[in-house]
Structure formats: structure tokens, C-alpha cells
Amino acid sequence: MKTLPAPLLAKISWRLLPFLLLMYIMAFLDRANVGFAKQAFQADTGLSDAAFAFGAGVFFVGYALLEVPSNLILHRVGARLWMCRIMVSWGLVSAAMVFAHNETSFYVLRFLLGVAEAGFFPGVILYLTYWFPQAARGKAMGFFYFGAPLAFIFGSPLSGLL
């Protein structure tokens, strides 16, 4: 891809990056909230520290297993459809966490959450390569990466209040 005119790059940035940033903030909030909810969740379910840690970590097993297949599907069916699938299934599984009342249901739902979210981060990186030339991609990715600290800045106090 050749260089794009600055006004076009600005328009692309304002159309894509705020929403992608918001999605990344939600992804990090979702991951961090399990840690904030640990004490209350363990009190309600009786999970041990080891069981909780395993359940929190099993998320990344599903995520890691399906990252590459998810990106291949994204490339085949398009980012709009595939990112929508990721967000909807991720939201449904996240909402289903309310039904995690024992170790098994916690493990299964955390694994499914990783499966549902798999491909989000690498998919966004791939998607950014479709829209931004190499010279402008670093700035776009830097803006996207800014979602992680924003999630902790705003999510930590919010989660603490809840």
C-alpha cells in the first residue's frame, strides 16, 4: 500500500480507532474483573485459591488454541462479520458467568470465554494492516494499545465500587 493523503488517514483513524479502542478496553476490563471479583466469588462458591487460579488461567488455553484459526476465518469472511461474532459470543459467555456456581462451571465458562474472545487482538492487528500503510500503522497500533492502561485506570475504581 502506498502512502495515503493525510486527510484520508485522519478520516480512517476517526472512523476505526475509537471503536477498536473501546473494544480493547472492554476486553481488558473483562479479564481484570475476574481478579476484582475473586474474593466475593470465592465466598459465594467456596472455590479454593488454586481452583480460582486455574479457572482464571484456563481462559488463555482457549484463547491461544483458537487465535490462528480465528484470524484465518477473519481473513476469509471479513473483519466486520468476524469481529461482530467475537463481540456477540464473548458478551453472551461473559453474561453466562453469572451461572458459574462451582469449579466445573467456572472452568468451562472461562475456557469458552477464551474461545469466544480468541482472535480479537491479533484480528484487530490484521485489520489495521488492511487500512493503514506501514508508515502510519505504528501510530494506529499505539492508539489501539492505549486501551489496556485506560481499562485499568477506569476499570479498577469501577470494579472496586461494584
C-alpha atoms as a PDB file:
ATOM      1  CA  MET A   1       0.000   0.000   0.000  1.00  0.00           C
ATOM      2  CA  LYS A   2       1.316   3.394  -0.926  1.00  0.00           C
ATOM      3  CA  THR A   3       1.135   6.393   1.349  1.00  0.00           C
ATOM      4  CA  LEU A   4      -2.310   7.887   1.797  1.00  0.00           C
ATOM      5  CA  PRO A   5      -3.125  11.582   1.926  1.00  0.00           C
ATOM      6  CA  ALA A   6      -3.234  12.955   5.470  1.00  0.00           C
ATOM      7  CA  PRO A   7      -6.947  13.890   5.354  1.00  0.00           C
ATOM      8  CA  LEU A   8      -7.842  10.356   4.289  1.00  0.00           C
ATOM      9  CA  LEU A   9      -5.679   8.839   7.043  1.00  0.00           C
ATOM     10  CA  ALA A  10      -7.354  11.146   9.571  1.00  0.00           C
ATOM     11  CA  LYS A  11     -10.805  10.088   8.379  1.00  0.00           C
ATOM     12  CA  ILE A  12      -9.905   6.389   8.551  1.00  0.00           C
ATOM     13  CA  SER A  13      -8.419   6.886  12.020  1.00  0.00           C
ATOM     14  CA  TRP A  14     -11.502   8.657  13.380  1.00  0.00           C
ATOM     15  CA  ARG A  15     -13.831   6.037  11.896  1.00  0.00           C
ATOM     16  CA  LEU A  16     -11.970   2.946  13.104  1.00  0.00           C
ATOM     17  CA  LEU A  17      -9.726   3.629  16.062  1.00  0.00           C
ATOM     18  CA  PRO A  18     -12.185   4.913  18.701  1.00  0.00           C
ATOM     19  CA  PHE A  19     -14.391   1.828  18.337  1.00  0.00           C
ATOM     20  CA  LEU A  20     -11.425  -0.558  18.259  1.00  0.00           C
ATOM     21  CA  LEU A  21     -10.049   1.177  21.351  1.00  0.00           C
ATOM     22  CA  LEU A  22     -13.400   0.767  23.104  1.00  0.00           C
ATOM     23  CA  MET A  23     -13.462  -2.939  22.240  1.00  0.00           C
ATOM     24  CA  TYR A  24      -9.937  -3.379  23.603  1.00  0.00           C
ATOM     25  CA  ILE A  25     -10.881  -1.570  26.819  1.00  0.00           C
ATOM     26  CA  MET A  26     -13.819  -3.973  27.205  1.00  0.00           C
ATOM     27  CA  ALA A  27     -11.516  -6.939  26.606  1.00  0.00           C
ATOM     28  CA  PHE A  28      -9.155  -5.836  29.342  1.00  0.00           C
ATOM     29  CA  LEU A  29     -11.981  -4.971  31.737  1.00  0.00           C
ATOM     30  CA  ASP A  30     -13.372  -8.437  31.201  1.00  0.00           C
ATOM     31  CA  ARG A  31     -10.025 -10.059  32.001  1.00  0.00           C
ATOM     32  CA  ALA A  32      -9.305  -7.849  35.002  1.00  0.00           C
ATOM     33  CA  ASN A  33     -12.766  -8.108  36.531  1.00  0.00           C
ATOM     34  CA  VAL A  34     -12.335 -11.777  37.367  1.00  0.00           C
ATOM     35  CA  GLY A  35      -9.497 -10.729  39.687  1.00  0.00           C
ATOM     36  CA  PHE A  36     -11.559  -7.988  41.294  1.00  0.00           C
ATOM     37  CA  ALA A  37     -14.453 -10.395  41.846  1.00  0.00           C
ATOM     38  CA  LYS A  38     -12.227 -13.107  43.317  1.00  0.00           C
ATOM     39  CA  GLN A  39     -12.998 -12.613  46.980  1.00  0.00           C
ATOM     40  CA  ALA A  40     -16.771 -12.340  46.597  1.00  0.00           C
ATOM     41  CA  PHE A  41     -16.867 -15.144  44.023  1.00  0.00           C
ATOM     42  CA  GLN A  42     -14.910 -17.475  46.272  1.00  0.00           C
ATOM     43  CA  ALA A  43     -17.147 -16.632  49.229  1.00  0.00           C
ATOM     44  CA  ASP A  44     -20.257 -17.414  47.163  1.00  0.00           C
ATOM     45  CA  THR A  45     -18.973 -20.594  45.534  1.00  0.00           C
ATOM     46  CA  GLY A  46     -16.447 -21.970  48.003  1.00  0.00           C
ATOM     47  CA  LEU A  47     -13.694 -22.211  45.363  1.00  0.00           C
ATOM     48  CA  SER A  48     -10.178 -22.603  46.693  1.00  0.00           C
ATOM     49  CA  ASP A  49      -7.390 -20.253  45.642  1.00  0.00           C
ATOM     50  CA  ALA A  50      -5.919 -22.993  43.430  1.00  0.00           C
ATOM     51  CA  ALA A  51      -9.265 -23.696  41.737  1.00  0.00           C
ATOM     52  CA  PHE A  52      -9.836 -19.993  41.136  1.00  0.00           C
ATOM     53  CA  ALA A  53      -6.335 -19.500  39.712  1.00  0.00           C
ATOM     54  CA  PHE A  54      -6.760 -22.493  37.400  1.00  0.00           C
ATOM     55  CA  GLY A  55     -10.145 -21.206  36.238  1.00  0.00           C
ATOM     56  CA  ALA A  56      -8.761 -17.733  35.633  1.00  0.00           C
ATOM     57  CA  GLY A  57      -5.857 -19.197  33.649  1.00  0.00           C
ATOM     58  CA  VAL A  58      -7.844 -21.689  31.573  1.00  0.00           C
ATOM     59  CA  PHE A  59      -9.202 -18.676  29.668  1.00  0.00           C
ATOM     60  CA  PHE A  60      -5.832 -18.363  27.930  1.00  0.00           C
ATOM     61  CA  VAL A  61      -5.847 -22.015  26.832  1.00  0.00           C
ATOM     62  CA  GLY A  62      -8.970 -21.497  24.728  1.00  0.00           C
ATOM     63  CA  TYR A  63      -7.675 -18.139  23.559  1.00  0.00           C
ATOM     64  CA  ALA A  64      -4.289 -19.479  22.473  1.00  0.00           C
ATOM     65  CA  LEU A  65      -5.715 -22.569  20.765  1.00  0.00           C
ATOM     66  CA  LEU A  66      -8.023 -20.596  18.509  1.00  0.00           C
ATOM     67  CA  GLU A  67      -6.098 -17.384  17.794  1.00  0.00           C
ATOM     68  CA  VAL A  68      -4.681 -18.542  14.464  1.00  0.00           C
ATOM     69  CA  PRO A  69      -7.853 -20.275  13.182  1.00  0.00           C
ATOM     70  CA  SER A  70      -9.829 -17.188  14.160  1.00  0.00           C
ATOM     71  CA  ASN A  71      -7.536 -14.931  12.137  1.00  0.00           C
ATOM     72  CA  LEU A  72      -7.784 -17.238   9.140  1.00  0.00           C
ATOM     73  CA  ILE A  73     -11.574 -17.043   9.336  1.00  0.00           C
ATOM     74  CA  LEU A  74     -11.409 -13.252   9.741  1.00  0.00           C
ATOM     75  CA  HIS A  75      -9.351 -13.027   6.566  1.00  0.00           C
ATOM     76  CA  ARG A  76     -11.816 -15.254   4.705  1.00  0.00           C
ATOM     77  CA  VAL A  77     -15.183 -13.822   5.853  1.00  0.00           C
ATOM     78  CA  GLY A  78     -14.173 -10.236   6.591  1.00  0.00           C
ATOM     79  CA  ALA A  79     -13.456  -8.254   9.709  1.00  0.00           C
ATOM     80  CA  ARG A  80     -16.926  -6.749  10.085  1.00  0.00           C
ATOM     81  CA  LEU A  81     -18.666 -10.114  10.319  1.00  0.00           C
ATOM     82  CA  TRP A  82     -15.963 -11.866  12.336  1.00  0.00           C
ATOM     83  CA  MET A  83     -15.411  -9.080  14.873  1.00  0.00           C
ATOM     84  CA  CYS A  84     -19.175  -8.938  15.345  1.00  0.00           C
ATOM     85  CA  ARG A  85     -19.182 -12.702  16.014  1.00  0.00           C
ATOM     86  CA  ILE A  86     -16.379 -12.289  18.512  1.00  0.00           C
ATOM     87  CA  MET A  87     -18.105  -9.454  20.361  1.00  0.00           C
ATOM     88  CA  VAL A  88     -21.548 -11.123  20.491  1.00  0.00           C
ATOM     89  CA  SER A  89     -20.334 -14.564  21.566  1.00  0.00           C
ATOM     90  CA  TRP A  90     -17.920 -13.005  24.031  1.00  0.00           C
ATOM     91  CA  GLY A  91     -20.742 -10.919  25.533  1.00  0.00           C
ATOM     92  CA  LEU A  92     -23.034 -13.940  25.812  1.00  0.00           C
ATOM     93  CA  VAL A  93     -20.407 -16.103  27.501  1.00  0.00           C
ATOM     94  CA  SER A  94     -19.414 -13.215  29.745  1.00  0.00           C
ATOM     95  CA  ALA A  95     -23.043 -12.806  30.810  1.00  0.00           C
ATOM     96  CA  ALA A  96     -23.289 -16.563  31.371  1.00  0.00           C
ATOM     97  CA  MET A  97     -20.603 -16.265  34.055  1.00  0.00           C
ATOM     98  CA  VAL A  98     -23.476 -15.459  36.412  1.00  0.00           C
ATOM     99  CA  PHE A  99     -24.260 -19.197  36.280  1.00  0.00           C
ATOM    100  CA  ALA A 100     -20.800 -20.291  37.459  1.00  0.00           C
ATOM    101  CA  HIS A 101     -21.633 -21.785  40.853  1.00  0.00           C
ATOM    102  CA  ASN A 102     -18.969 -24.475  41.130  1.00  0.00           C
ATOM    103  CA  GLU A 103     -15.486 -25.344  39.884  1.00  0.00           C
ATOM    104  CA  THR A 104     -16.637 -27.178  36.766  1.00  0.00           C
ATOM    105  CA  SER A 105     -18.968 -24.455  35.528  1.00  0.00           C
ATOM    106  CA  PHE A 106     -16.313 -21.825  36.261  1.00  0.00           C
ATOM    107  CA  TYR A 107     -13.687 -23.769  34.302  1.00  0.00           C
ATOM    108  CA  VAL A 108     -15.998 -24.409  31.350  1.00  0.00           C
ATOM    109  CA  LEU A 109     -17.198 -20.815  31.137  1.00  0.00           C
ATOM    110  CA  ARG A 110     -13.700 -19.365  31.433  1.00  0.00           C
ATOM    111  CA  PHE A 111     -12.479 -21.718  28.689  1.00  0.00           C
ATOM    112  CA  LEU A 112     -15.456 -20.765  26.496  1.00  0.00           C
ATOM    113  CA  LEU A 113     -14.759 -17.102  27.172  1.00  0.00           C
ATOM    114  CA  GLY A 114     -11.227 -17.592  25.852  1.00  0.00           C
ATOM    115  CA  VAL A 115     -12.606 -19.423  22.814  1.00  0.00           C
ATOM    116  CA  ALA A 116     -15.136 -16.643  22.187  1.00  0.00           C
ATOM    117  CA  GLU A 117     -12.521 -13.893  22.500  1.00  0.00           C
ATOM    118  CA  ALA A 118      -9.840 -15.772  20.559  1.00  0.00           C
ATOM    119  CA  GLY A 119      -8.600 -13.859  17.621  1.00  0.00           C
ATOM    120  CA  PHE A 120      -9.761 -10.455  18.824  1.00  0.00           C
ATOM    121  CA  PHE A 121      -6.356  -8.913  19.467  1.00  0.00           C
ATOM    122  CA  PRO A 122      -4.496 -10.463  16.516  1.00  0.00           C
ATOM    123  CA  GLY A 123      -7.590  -9.871  14.381  1.00  0.00           C
ATOM    124  CA  VAL A 124      -7.505  -6.157  15.114  1.00  0.00           C
ATOM    125  CA  ILE A 125      -3.800  -6.060  14.288  1.00  0.00           C
ATOM    126  CA  LEU A 126      -4.523  -7.802  10.969  1.00  0.00           C
ATOM    127  CA  TYR A 127      -7.454  -5.464  10.344  1.00  0.00           C
ATOM    128  CA  LEU A 128      -5.243  -2.426  10.894  1.00  0.00           C
ATOM    129  CA  THR A 129      -2.898  -3.710   8.174  1.00  0.00           C
ATOM    130  CA  TYR A 130      -5.833  -3.530   5.746  1.00  0.00           C
ATOM    131  CA  TRP A 131      -6.464   0.153   6.425  1.00  0.00           C
ATOM    132  CA  PHE A 132      -3.166   1.750   7.378  1.00  0.00           C
ATOM    133  CA  PRO A 133       0.015   1.851   5.306  1.00  0.00           C
ATOM    134  CA  GLN A 134       3.153   0.717   7.071  1.00  0.00           C
ATOM    135  CA  ALA A 135       4.287   4.304   7.708  1.00  0.00           C
ATOM    136  CA  ALA A 136       1.068   5.121   9.622  1.00  0.00           C
ATOM    137  CA  ARG A 137       0.388   1.733  11.196  1.00  0.00           C
ATOM    138  CA  GLY A 138       2.624   2.256  14.238  1.00  0.00           C
ATOM    139  CA  LYS A 139       0.655   5.304  15.301  1.00  0.00           C
ATOM    140  CA  ALA A 140      -2.652   3.458  14.825  1.00  0.00           C
ATOM    141  CA  MET A 141      -1.437   0.448  16.807  1.00  0.00           C
ATOM    142  CA  GLY A 142      -0.094   2.695  19.550  1.00  0.00           C
ATOM    143  CA  PHE A 143      -3.516   4.310  19.874  1.00  0.00           C
ATOM    144  CA  PHE A 144      -5.131   0.845  19.990  1.00  0.00           C
ATOM    145  CA  TYR A 145      -2.668  -0.421  22.634  1.00  0.00           C
ATOM    146  CA  PHE A 146      -3.580   2.555  24.802  1.00  0.00           C
ATOM    147  CA  GLY A 147      -6.774   0.650  25.657  1.00  0.00           C
ATOM    148  CA  ALA A 148      -5.014  -1.553  28.227  1.00  0.00           C
ATOM    149  CA  PRO A 149      -3.910   1.237  30.574  1.00  0.00           C
ATOM    150  CA  LEU A 150      -7.235   3.016  30.069  1.00  0.00           C
ATOM    151  CA  ALA A 151      -9.044  -0.146  31.133  1.00  0.00           C
ATOM    152  CA  PHE A 152      -7.081  -0.251  34.377  1.00  0.00           C
ATOM    153  CA  ILE A 153      -7.387   3.481  35.006  1.00  0.00           C
ATOM    154  CA  PHE A 154     -11.184   3.458  34.693  1.00  0.00           C
ATOM    155  CA  GLY A 155     -11.960  -0.181  35.386  1.00  0.00           C
ATOM    156  CA  SER A 156     -10.153  -0.596  38.673  1.00  0.00           C
ATOM    157  CA  PRO A 157     -12.095   2.072  40.597  1.00  0.00           C
ATOM    158  CA  LEU A 158     -15.347   0.998  38.936  1.00  0.00           C
ATOM    159  CA  SER A 159     -14.780  -2.653  39.798  1.00  0.00           C
ATOM    160  CA  GLY A 160     -13.815  -1.713  43.341  1.00  0.00           C
ATOM    161  CA  LEU A 161     -17.079   0.199  43.767  1.00  0.00           C
ATOM    162  CA  LEU A 162     -19.121  -2.708  42.433  1.00  0.00           C
END
